[in-house]
Protein backbone atom coordinates (compact mmCIF):
# COMPACT_ATOMS: atom_id res chain seq x y z
CA UNK A 1 26.73 8.00 11.39
CA UNK A 2 24.80 10.09 13.87
CA UNK A 3 21.12 10.41 13.00
CA UNK A 4 18.47 12.67 14.51
CA UNK A 5 14.92 11.35 14.45
CA UNK A 6 11.57 13.07 14.82
CA UNK A 7 8.98 10.31 15.23
CA UNK A 8 5.21 10.54 15.55
CA UNK A 9 4.13 9.06 18.90
CA UNK A 10 0.45 8.39 19.60
CA UNK A 11 -0.93 6.07 22.25
CA UNK A 12 -4.13 5.21 20.41
CA UNK A 13 -6.80 6.30 17.92
CA UNK A 14 -8.61 8.50 20.45
CA UNK A 15 -5.52 10.20 21.90
CA UNK A 16 -3.60 13.15 20.47
CA UNK A 17 -0.17 12.52 19.02
CA UNK A 18 3.02 14.54 18.69
CA UNK A 19 6.51 14.43 17.21
CA UNK A 20 9.16 13.23 19.66
CA UNK A 21 12.91 13.79 19.21
CA UNK A 22 15.47 10.98 19.39
CA UNK A 23 19.07 10.57 18.32
CA UNK A 24 21.16 7.55 17.42
CA UNK A 25 24.94 7.22 17.30
CA UNK A 26 26.90 4.62 15.35
CA UNK A 27 24.21 4.00 12.74
CA UNK A 28 25.74 1.71 10.13
CA UNK A 29 25.13 2.56 6.44
CA UNK A 30 24.30 -1.08 5.70
CA UNK A 31 21.45 -1.11 8.24
CA UNK A 32 17.95 -1.22 6.82
CA UNK A 33 15.58 1.51 7.97
CA UNK A 34 13.68 -0.95 10.14
CA UNK A 35 16.91 -2.27 11.67
CA UNK A 36 17.68 1.32 12.64
CA UNK A 37 14.28 1.52 14.36
CA UNK A 38 15.03 -1.81 16.07
CA UNK A 39 18.21 -0.32 17.52
CA UNK A 40 16.28 2.71 18.73
CA UNK A 41 13.69 0.48 20.40
CA UNK A 42 16.39 -1.59 22.11
CA UNK A 43 17.78 1.59 23.61
CA UNK A 44 14.33 2.79 24.68
CA UNK A 45 13.55 -0.54 26.34
CA UNK A 46 16.91 -0.49 28.13
CA UNK A 47 15.98 2.91 29.55
CA UNK A 48 12.57 1.68 30.64
CA UNK A 49 10.75 3.70 27.98
CA UNK A 50 8.05 2.47 25.63
CA UNK A 51 9.34 1.37 22.21
CA UNK A 52 8.06 2.86 18.98
CA UNK A 53 5.27 0.74 17.47
CA UNK A 54 5.55 0.10 13.74
CA UNK A 55 4.28 -2.53 11.31
CA UNK A 56 6.58 -5.09 9.71
CA UNK A 57 6.53 -8.71 8.66
CA UNK A 58 8.59 -10.21 5.84
CA UNK A 59 11.20 -7.42 5.63
CA UNK A 60 11.78 -8.49 2.04
CA UNK A 61 9.64 -5.93 0.22
CA UNK A 62 6.86 -8.46 -0.39
CA UNK A 63 4.13 -8.14 2.26
CA UNK A 64 3.56 -4.38 2.16
CA UNK A 65 3.09 -3.95 5.90
CA UNK A 66 6.10 -1.72 6.66
CA UNK A 67 4.99 1.55 5.08
CA UNK A 68 5.59 4.89 6.81
CA UNK A 69 6.14 8.46 5.66
CA UNK A 70 9.84 9.35 5.72
CA UNK A 71 10.63 13.04 5.31
CA UNK A 72 7.22 13.47 3.72
CA UNK A 73 7.62 10.66 1.19
CA UNK A 74 5.90 7.27 1.30
CA UNK A 75 8.58 4.62 1.96
CA UNK A 76 11.31 7.27 1.80
CA UNK A 77 13.49 8.89 -0.87
CA UNK A 78 14.24 5.86 -3.05
CA UNK A 79 11.86 4.92 -5.84
CA UNK A 80 10.38 1.42 -6.06
CA UNK A 81 11.63 0.62 -2.58
CA UNK A 82 9.66 -0.41 0.49
CA UNK A 83 10.58 0.96 3.91
CA UNK A 84 12.11 -2.36 4.95
CA UNK A 85 14.36 -2.36 1.88
CA UNK A 86 15.48 1.24 2.37
CA UNK A 87 19.00 1.38 3.82
CA UNK A 88 20.65 4.01 5.94
CA UNK A 89 23.26 4.65 3.24
CA UNK A 90 20.51 6.70 1.60
CA UNK A 91 21.03 9.28 4.38
CA UNK A 92 24.02 11.29 5.53
CA UNK A 93 25.76 11.75 8.85
CA UNK A 94 23.92 14.36 10.90
CA UNK A 95 20.64 14.10 8.96
CA UNK A 96 17.32 14.76 10.66
CA UNK A 97 14.66 12.25 9.59
CA UNK A 98 10.95 12.80 10.08
CA UNK A 99 8.95 9.56 10.45
CA UNK A 100 5.13 9.57 10.42
CA UNK A 101 2.32 7.07 9.84
CA UNK A 102 0.16 7.04 6.71
CA UNK A 103 -2.19 10.02 6.78
CA UNK A 104 -5.70 9.11 5.60
CA UNK A 105 -9.16 9.10 7.13
CA UNK A 106 -9.62 5.52 5.97
CA UNK A 107 -6.33 4.52 7.69
CA UNK A 108 -6.88 5.49 11.36
CA UNK A 109 -3.79 5.39 13.56
CA UNK A 110 -3.67 2.39 15.89
CA UNK A 111 -0.51 3.42 17.72
CA UNK A 112 2.57 5.46 16.80
CA UNK A 113 3.43 4.47 13.20
CA UNK A 114 0.83 1.70 12.93
CA UNK A 115 -2.40 2.32 11.01
CA UNK A 116 -5.52 0.24 10.43
CA UNK A 117 -5.57 -0.80 6.75
CA UNK A 118 -8.50 -3.19 6.95
CA UNK A 119 -10.34 -0.90 4.50
CA UNK A 120 -8.16 -2.52 1.82
CA UNK A 121 -9.32 -5.94 2.98
CA UNK A 122 -12.94 -4.91 2.60
CA UNK A 123 -12.30 -3.77 -0.98
CA UNK A 124 -10.73 -7.13 -1.86
CA UNK A 125 -13.51 -9.05 -0.10
CA UNK A 126 -16.09 -7.19 -2.19
CA UNK A 127 -14.88 -8.58 -5.51
CA UNK A 128 -11.83 -10.75 -5.08
CA UNK A 129 -13.31 -13.99 -6.34
CA UNK A 130 -13.85 -15.91 -9.59
CA UNK A 131 -16.28 -18.59 -10.78
CA UNK A 132 -14.30 -21.76 -11.36
CA UNK A 133 -14.93 -25.43 -10.76
CA UNK A 134 -13.22 -26.75 -7.66
CA UNK A 135 -11.31 -29.99 -7.72
CA UNK A 136 -7.99 -31.02 -9.22
CA UNK A 137 -5.72 -28.44 -10.80
CA UNK A 138 -6.38 -27.83 -14.53
CA UNK A 139 -3.76 -28.60 -17.15
CA UNK A 140 -1.35 -25.74 -17.70
CA UNK A 141 -2.56 -25.00 -21.22
CA UNK A 142 -6.26 -25.67 -20.70
CA UNK A 143 -7.06 -21.94 -20.81
CA UNK A 144 -4.85 -20.29 -23.46
CA UNK A 145 -3.80 -16.76 -22.44
CA UNK A 146 -1.78 -14.53 -24.74
CA UNK A 147 1.45 -13.05 -23.41
CA UNK A 148 0.24 -9.45 -23.51
CA UNK A 149 -2.86 -10.32 -21.45
CA UNK A 150 -0.78 -12.35 -18.99
CA UNK A 151 1.70 -9.46 -18.68
CA UNK A 152 -1.08 -6.95 -17.99
CA UNK A 153 -2.55 -9.16 -15.28
CA UNK A 154 0.80 -9.92 -13.67
CA UNK A 155 1.87 -6.26 -13.68
CA UNK A 156 -1.35 -5.35 -11.85
CA UNK A 157 -0.94 -8.31 -9.49
CA UNK A 158 2.40 -6.89 -8.29
CA UNK A 159 0.47 -4.55 -5.96
CA UNK A 160 1.32 -5.48 -2.36
CA UNK A 161 -1.38 -3.35 -0.74
CA UNK A 162 1.03 -1.25 1.31
CA UNK A 163 -1.06 1.93 1.08
CA UNK A 164 1.68 4.21 -0.27
CA UNK A 165 -0.66 5.30 -3.06
CA UNK A 166 -3.23 6.48 -0.50
CA UNK A 167 -0.65 8.16 1.74
CA UNK A 168 0.96 10.06 -1.15
CA UNK A 169 -2.32 11.21 -2.72
CA UNK A 170 -3.52 14.69 -1.68
CA UNK A 171 -7.06 13.27 -1.62
CA UNK A 172 -6.13 9.97 0.08
CA UNK A 173 -7.55 8.12 -2.91
CA UNK A 174 -7.37 4.34 -3.17
CA UNK A 175 -7.96 4.30 -6.93
CA UNK A 176 -4.55 2.84 -7.81
CA UNK A 177 -4.88 -0.01 -5.32
CA UNK A 178 -8.47 -0.80 -6.33
CA UNK A 179 -7.65 -0.51 -10.03
CA UNK A 180 -4.74 -2.93 -9.67
CA UNK A 181 -6.98 -5.54 -8.00
CA UNK A 182 -9.78 -5.04 -10.54
CA UNK A 183 -7.44 -5.13 -13.55
CA UNK A 184 -5.63 -8.22 -12.31
CA UNK A 185 -8.85 -10.26 -12.22
CA UNK A 186 -10.86 -8.61 -15.00
CA UNK A 187 -8.07 -9.05 -17.55
CA UNK A 188 -7.85 -12.82 -17.22
CA UNK A 189 -10.48 -15.10 -18.79
CA UNK A 190 -11.13 -16.73 -15.41
CA UNK A 191 -12.36 -13.38 -14.10
CA UNK A 192 -14.70 -12.51 -16.95
CA UNK A 193 -17.95 -13.96 -15.49
CA UNK A 194 -17.88 -11.46 -12.58
CA UNK A 195 -16.29 -8.62 -14.52
CA UNK A 196 -19.17 -6.15 -14.28
CA UNK A 197 -20.24 -7.10 -10.77
CA UNK A 198 -16.66 -7.08 -9.50
CA UNK A 199 -15.81 -3.53 -10.55
CA UNK A 200 -19.10 -2.19 -9.22
CA UNK A 201 -18.71 -3.87 -5.82
CA UNK A 202 -15.03 -3.00 -5.36
CA UNK A 203 -15.52 0.65 -6.31
CA UNK A 204 -18.53 0.85 -3.98
CA UNK A 205 -16.49 -0.69 -1.15
CA UNK A 206 -13.72 1.83 -1.81
CA UNK A 207 -16.16 4.75 -1.61
CA UNK A 208 -17.83 3.40 1.53
CA UNK A 209 -14.45 3.14 3.26
CA UNK A 210 -14.01 6.91 3.01
CA UNK A 211 -11.18 7.18 0.49
CA UNK A 212 -11.00 10.38 -1.55
CA UNK A 213 -11.41 10.93 -5.29
CA UNK A 214 -8.66 10.64 -7.89
CA UNK A 215 -7.52 13.85 -9.59
CA UNK A 216 -4.79 12.24 -11.73
CA UNK A 217 -1.76 13.94 -10.20
CA UNK A 218 0.24 10.71 -10.60
CA UNK A 219 1.79 10.87 -7.11
CA UNK A 220 0.49 7.37 -6.40
CA UNK A 221 2.42 5.85 -9.31
CA UNK A 222 5.61 7.71 -8.38
CA UNK A 223 5.54 6.52 -4.76
CA UNK A 224 4.33 2.96 -5.44
CA UNK A 225 7.17 0.58 -4.47
CA UNK A 226 6.10 -1.81 -7.23
CA UNK A 227 5.60 0.83 -9.93
CA UNK A 228 1.92 0.06 -10.56
CA UNK A 229 0.87 2.19 -13.54
CA UNK A 230 -2.03 4.66 -13.40
CA UNK A 231 -3.14 3.19 -16.74
CA UNK A 232 -4.86 0.63 -14.52
CA UNK A 233 -7.11 3.41 -13.23
CA UNK A 234 -8.16 4.19 -16.81
CA UNK A 235 -8.93 0.50 -17.37
CA UNK A 236 -11.00 0.33 -14.19
CA UNK A 237 -12.92 3.48 -15.13
CA UNK A 238 -13.69 1.96 -18.53
CA UNK A 239 -14.86 -1.27 -16.88
CA UNK A 240 -16.99 0.70 -14.42
CA UNK A 241 -18.64 2.71 -17.20
CA UNK A 242 -19.23 -0.46 -19.23
CA UNK A 243 -20.77 -2.24 -16.26
CA UNK A 244 -23.02 0.75 -15.49
CA UNK A 245 -24.32 0.88 -19.08
CA UNK A 246 -24.82 -2.88 -19.08
CA UNK A 247 -26.86 -2.81 -15.86
CA UNK A 248 -29.02 0.08 -17.11
CA UNK A 249 -29.61 -1.73 -20.41
CA UNK A 250 -30.78 -4.84 -18.56
CA UNK A 251 -33.28 -2.73 -16.61
């Protein structure tokens, strides 16, 4: 396959960026998208040019660090697939592929396709904790949890924090990410003691980071590589309203 690439190149946060044209011959259909970028970088290095900077780690669809916009879609054309698990067989010989970083005020570009997603870390730091006794591990059945509650928590916990929800939202909202983290912990009995405080602090951290508001278009759910449901946003909103009423009642 011969592939034409238009890649966003930017030296740093304070410098302007632009799309740069490249082409690759002999792209194998079984290559992953990141392997294709590796081949491009090998050729650039061989020519004495600077390679394209992009994030990656596990390359197994687990860590969430590989996200980029591919032809205007977060992680590319395949649903429930991370960039590292997207393969070149999803494209055709002679295709032109546009590759850009996440576009969001809260995700400033570091270089080329790399963005700073530490805003997500600050949201988790704000409420990602529970009150439990430290020491030896508890017995498996010490805290009985029904299957439906366990399923709700585990489905929310699938979020890998890649940022596709933010990048695909017209408002760059982080509601789906924040809702997944809140729902994961607020649903389980271990997270109940901080339930009200957690949702208030995580939502506040999200707003302070500069993410936009949710207008329920559902693009975040469609582009999420783990299929996190927007029903989690409804649950978080309910928790937030409940916590607000509770705090006002106490005053």
